[in-house]
C-alpha atoms as a PDB file:
ATOM      1  CA  MET A   1      -2.841 -12.220  25.735  1.00  0.00           C
ATOM      2  CA  ASP A   2      -3.350  -8.771  24.891  1.00  0.00           C
ATOM      3  CA  ILE A   3      -5.959  -8.729  22.258  1.00  0.00           C
ATOM      4  CA  ARG A   4      -6.386  -4.963  21.810  1.00  0.00           C
ATOM      5  CA  ASN A   5      -6.141  -4.000  18.094  1.00  0.00           C
ATOM      6  CA  ILE A   6      -5.680  -7.421  17.064  1.00  0.00           C
ATOM      7  CA  ASP A   7      -7.978  -7.019  13.959  1.00  0.00           C
ATOM      8  CA  ASP A   8      -5.568  -4.077  12.773  1.00  0.00           C
ATOM      9  CA  LYS A   9      -2.425  -6.334  13.341  1.00  0.00           C
ATOM     10  CA  TYR A  10      -3.560  -9.131  11.706  1.00  0.00           C
ATOM     11  CA  PHE A  11      -4.785  -7.141   8.700  1.00  0.00           C
ATOM     12  CA  LYS A  12      -1.380  -5.525   8.325  1.00  0.00           C
ATOM     13  CA  GLU A  13       0.248  -8.590   8.831  1.00  0.00           C
ATOM     14  CA  VAL A  14      -1.635 -10.361   5.746  1.00  0.00           C
ATOM     15  CA  ILE A  15      -1.958  -7.139   3.640  1.00  0.00           C
ATOM     16  CA  GLU A  16       1.965  -6.606   3.948  1.00  0.00           C
ATOM     17  CA  ASN A  17       2.171  -9.067   1.228  1.00  0.00           C
ATOM     18  CA  PRO A  18       1.942  -7.090  -2.214  1.00  0.00           C
ATOM     19  CA  GLU A  19       0.528 -10.236  -4.041  1.00  0.00           C
ATOM     20  CA  LEU A  20      -2.295 -10.291  -1.145  1.00  0.00           C
ATOM     21  CA  ALA A  21      -2.647  -6.446  -1.464  1.00  0.00           C
ATOM     22  CA  ALA A  22      -2.958  -6.378  -5.095  1.00  0.00           C
ATOM     23  CA  SER A  23      -5.609  -9.158  -4.960  1.00  0.00           C
ATOM     24  CA  LEU A  24      -7.546  -6.869  -2.502  1.00  0.00           C
ATOM     25  CA  MET A  25      -7.126  -3.678  -4.571  1.00  0.00           C
ATOM     26  CA  GLU A  26      -8.375  -5.635  -7.796  1.00  0.00           C
ATOM     27  CA  ILE A  27     -11.643  -6.199  -5.787  1.00  0.00           C
ATOM     28  CA  ILE A  28     -12.005  -2.542  -4.287  1.00  0.00           C
ATOM     29  CA  LEU A  29     -10.569  -0.176  -6.827  1.00  0.00           C
ATOM     30  CA  PRO A  30     -12.557   1.320  -9.561  1.00  0.00           C
ATOM     31  CA  GLU A  31     -11.962   0.055 -12.843  1.00  0.00           C
ATOM     32  CA  GLU A  32     -10.509   3.640 -14.084  1.00  0.00           C
ATOM     33  CA  ILE A  33      -7.795   3.230 -11.606  1.00  0.00           C
ATOM     34  CA  LYS A  34      -6.950  -0.538 -12.197  1.00  0.00           C
ATOM     35  CA  GLU A  35      -6.673   0.465 -15.698  1.00  0.00           C
ATOM     36  CA  ILE A  36      -3.753   2.869 -15.212  1.00  0.00           C
ATOM     37  CA  ILE A  37      -1.947   1.301 -12.190  1.00  0.00           C
ATOM     38  CA  ASP A  38       0.437  -1.544 -12.387  1.00  0.00           C
ATOM     39  CA  LEU A  39      -0.909  -3.926  -9.468  1.00  0.00           C
ATOM     40  CA  GLU A  40       1.378  -6.850 -10.454  1.00  0.00           C
ATOM     41  CA  ASN A  41       4.517  -5.029  -9.423  1.00  0.00           C
ATOM     42  CA  LEU A  42       3.465  -3.380  -5.894  1.00  0.00           C
ATOM     43  CA  LYS A  43       6.394  -2.522  -3.799  1.00  0.00           C
ATOM     44  CA  LEU A  44       6.151  -2.303  -0.017  1.00  0.00           C
ATOM     45  CA  GLU A  45       7.693   0.836   1.455  1.00  0.00           C
ATOM     46  CA  LYS A  46       8.935   1.888   4.884  1.00  0.00           C
ATOM     47  CA  ASP A  47       6.363   3.099   7.298  1.00  0.00           C
ATOM     48  CA  SER A  48       8.142   6.385   8.115  1.00  0.00           C
ATOM     49  CA  PHE A  49       9.374   9.033   5.784  1.00  0.00           C
ATOM     50  CA  ILE A  50      10.215  12.758   5.484  1.00  0.00           C
ATOM     51  CA  SER A  51       7.620  14.624   3.746  1.00  0.00           C
ATOM     52  CA  GLY A  52       8.170  17.569   1.450  1.00  0.00           C
ATOM     53  CA  GLU A  53       7.813  19.978   4.103  1.00  0.00           C
ATOM     54  CA  LEU A  54      10.578  18.362   5.973  1.00  0.00           C
ATOM     55  CA  LYS A  55       8.091  16.643   8.688  1.00  0.00           C
ATOM     56  CA  GLU A  56       8.452  13.330   9.610  1.00  0.00           C
ATOM     57  CA  ALA A  57       5.355  11.221   8.819  1.00  0.00           C
ATOM     58  CA  TYR A  58       4.083   7.491   9.491  1.00  0.00           C
ATOM     59  CA  SER A  59       1.905   5.353   7.681  1.00  0.00           C
ATOM     60  CA  ASP A  60       0.172   1.991   8.448  1.00  0.00           C
ATOM     61  CA  LEU A  61       1.209   0.398   5.142  1.00  0.00           C
ATOM     62  CA  LEU A  62       2.622   2.398   1.928  1.00  0.00           C
ATOM     63  CA  PHE A  63       2.867   0.857  -1.266  1.00  0.00           C
ATOM     64  CA  ARG A  64       4.627   2.023  -4.360  1.00  0.00           C
ATOM     65  CA  ALA A  65       3.116   1.118  -8.060  1.00  0.00           C
ATOM     66  CA  GLY A  66       4.002   2.162 -11.589  1.00  0.00           C
ATOM     67  CA  LEU A  67       1.610   4.190 -13.580  1.00  0.00           C
ATOM     68  CA  GLY A  68       3.112   4.052 -16.982  1.00  0.00           C
ATOM     69  CA  GLU A  69       5.803   6.160 -18.622  1.00  0.00           C
ATOM     70  CA  GLY A  70       7.943   5.822 -15.802  1.00  0.00           C
ATOM     71  CA  GLU A  71       5.565   7.417 -13.481  1.00  0.00           C
ATOM     72  CA  GLU A  72       4.794   5.919  -9.932  1.00  0.00           C
ATOM     73  CA  VAL A  73       2.142   6.387  -7.378  1.00  0.00           C
ATOM     74  CA  TYR A  74       1.905   5.539  -3.574  1.00  0.00           C
END
Protein backbone atom coordinates (compact mmCIF):
# COMPACT_ATOMS: atom_id res chain seq x y z
CA MET A 1 0.00 0.00 0.00
CA ASP A 2 1.38 3.40 -1.01
CA ILE A 3 0.86 5.79 1.91
CA ARG A 4 2.60 8.84 0.47
CA ASN A 5 0.37 11.90 0.72
CA ILE A 6 -2.40 9.86 2.31
CA ASP A 7 -3.39 12.80 4.51
CA ASP A 8 -3.73 15.07 1.46
CA LYS A 9 -5.75 12.48 -0.44
CA TYR A 10 -8.06 11.91 2.52
CA PHE A 11 -8.55 15.63 3.11
CA LYS A 12 -9.35 16.25 -0.57
CA GLU A 13 -11.86 13.39 -0.67
CA VAL A 14 -13.67 14.63 2.42
CA ILE A 15 -13.61 18.33 1.57
CA GLU A 16 -14.81 17.75 -2.04
CA ASN A 17 -18.28 17.58 -0.52
CA PRO A 18 -19.56 21.20 -0.59
CA GLU A 19 -21.58 20.71 2.61
CA LEU A 20 -18.52 19.53 4.52
CA ALA A 21 -16.38 22.29 3.00
CA ALA A 22 -18.97 24.87 4.09
CA SER A 23 -18.96 23.44 7.62
CA LEU A 24 -15.20 23.79 7.80
CA MET A 25 -15.32 27.33 6.41
CA GLU A 26 -17.93 28.25 9.04
CA ILE A 27 -15.34 27.34 11.66
CA ILE A 28 -12.22 28.92 10.16
CA LEU A 29 -13.37 32.00 8.22
CA PRO A 30 -13.48 35.40 9.94
CA GLU A 31 -16.97 36.74 10.77
CA GLU A 32 -16.73 39.60 8.24
CA ILE A 33 -16.19 37.05 5.44
CA LYS A 34 -18.97 34.74 6.63
CA GLU A 35 -21.38 37.71 6.61
CA ILE A 36 -20.94 38.32 2.88
CA ILE A 37 -20.37 34.87 1.38
CA ASP A 38 -23.12 32.33 0.65
CA LEU A 39 -21.65 29.14 2.11
CA GLU A 40 -24.93 27.26 1.69
CA ASN A 41 -24.52 27.18 -2.09
CA LEU A 42 -20.86 26.31 -2.63
CA LYS A 43 -20.13 24.73 -6.01
CA LEU A 44 -17.09 22.52 -6.58
CA GLU A 45 -15.31 23.64 -9.77
CA LYS A 46 -12.82 21.90 -12.06
CA ASP A 47 -9.27 21.65 -10.77
CA SER A 48 -7.75 23.06 -13.96
CA PHE A 49 -8.56 26.22 -15.86
CA ILE A 50 -7.07 28.84 -18.14
CA SER A 51 -6.17 32.08 -16.37
CA GLY A 52 -6.72 35.57 -17.72
CA GLU A 53 -3.15 35.55 -19.02
CA LEU A 54 -3.99 32.37 -20.98
CA LYS A 55 -1.80 30.17 -18.81
CA GLU A 56 -3.05 26.80 -17.67
CA ALA A 57 -3.42 26.63 -13.90
CA TYR A 58 -4.26 23.86 -11.43
CA SER A 59 -5.75 23.96 -7.96
CA ASP A 60 -6.17 21.33 -5.27
CA LEU A 61 -9.84 22.18 -4.81
CA LEU A 62 -11.71 25.20 -6.09
CA PHE A 63 -15.14 26.29 -4.92
CA ARG A 64 -17.41 29.02 -6.26
CA ALA A 65 -19.73 30.93 -3.92
CA GLY A 66 -22.13 33.83 -4.23
CA LEU A 67 -21.43 37.20 -2.63
CA GLY A 68 -24.63 39.10 -3.27
CA GLU A 69 -26.00 41.21 -6.10
CA GLY A 70 -25.03 38.42 -8.52
CA GLU A 71 -21.31 38.55 -7.71
CA GLU A 72 -19.27 35.39 -7.21
CA VAL A 73 -16.01 34.52 -5.53
CA TYR A 74 -13.69 31.52 -5.91
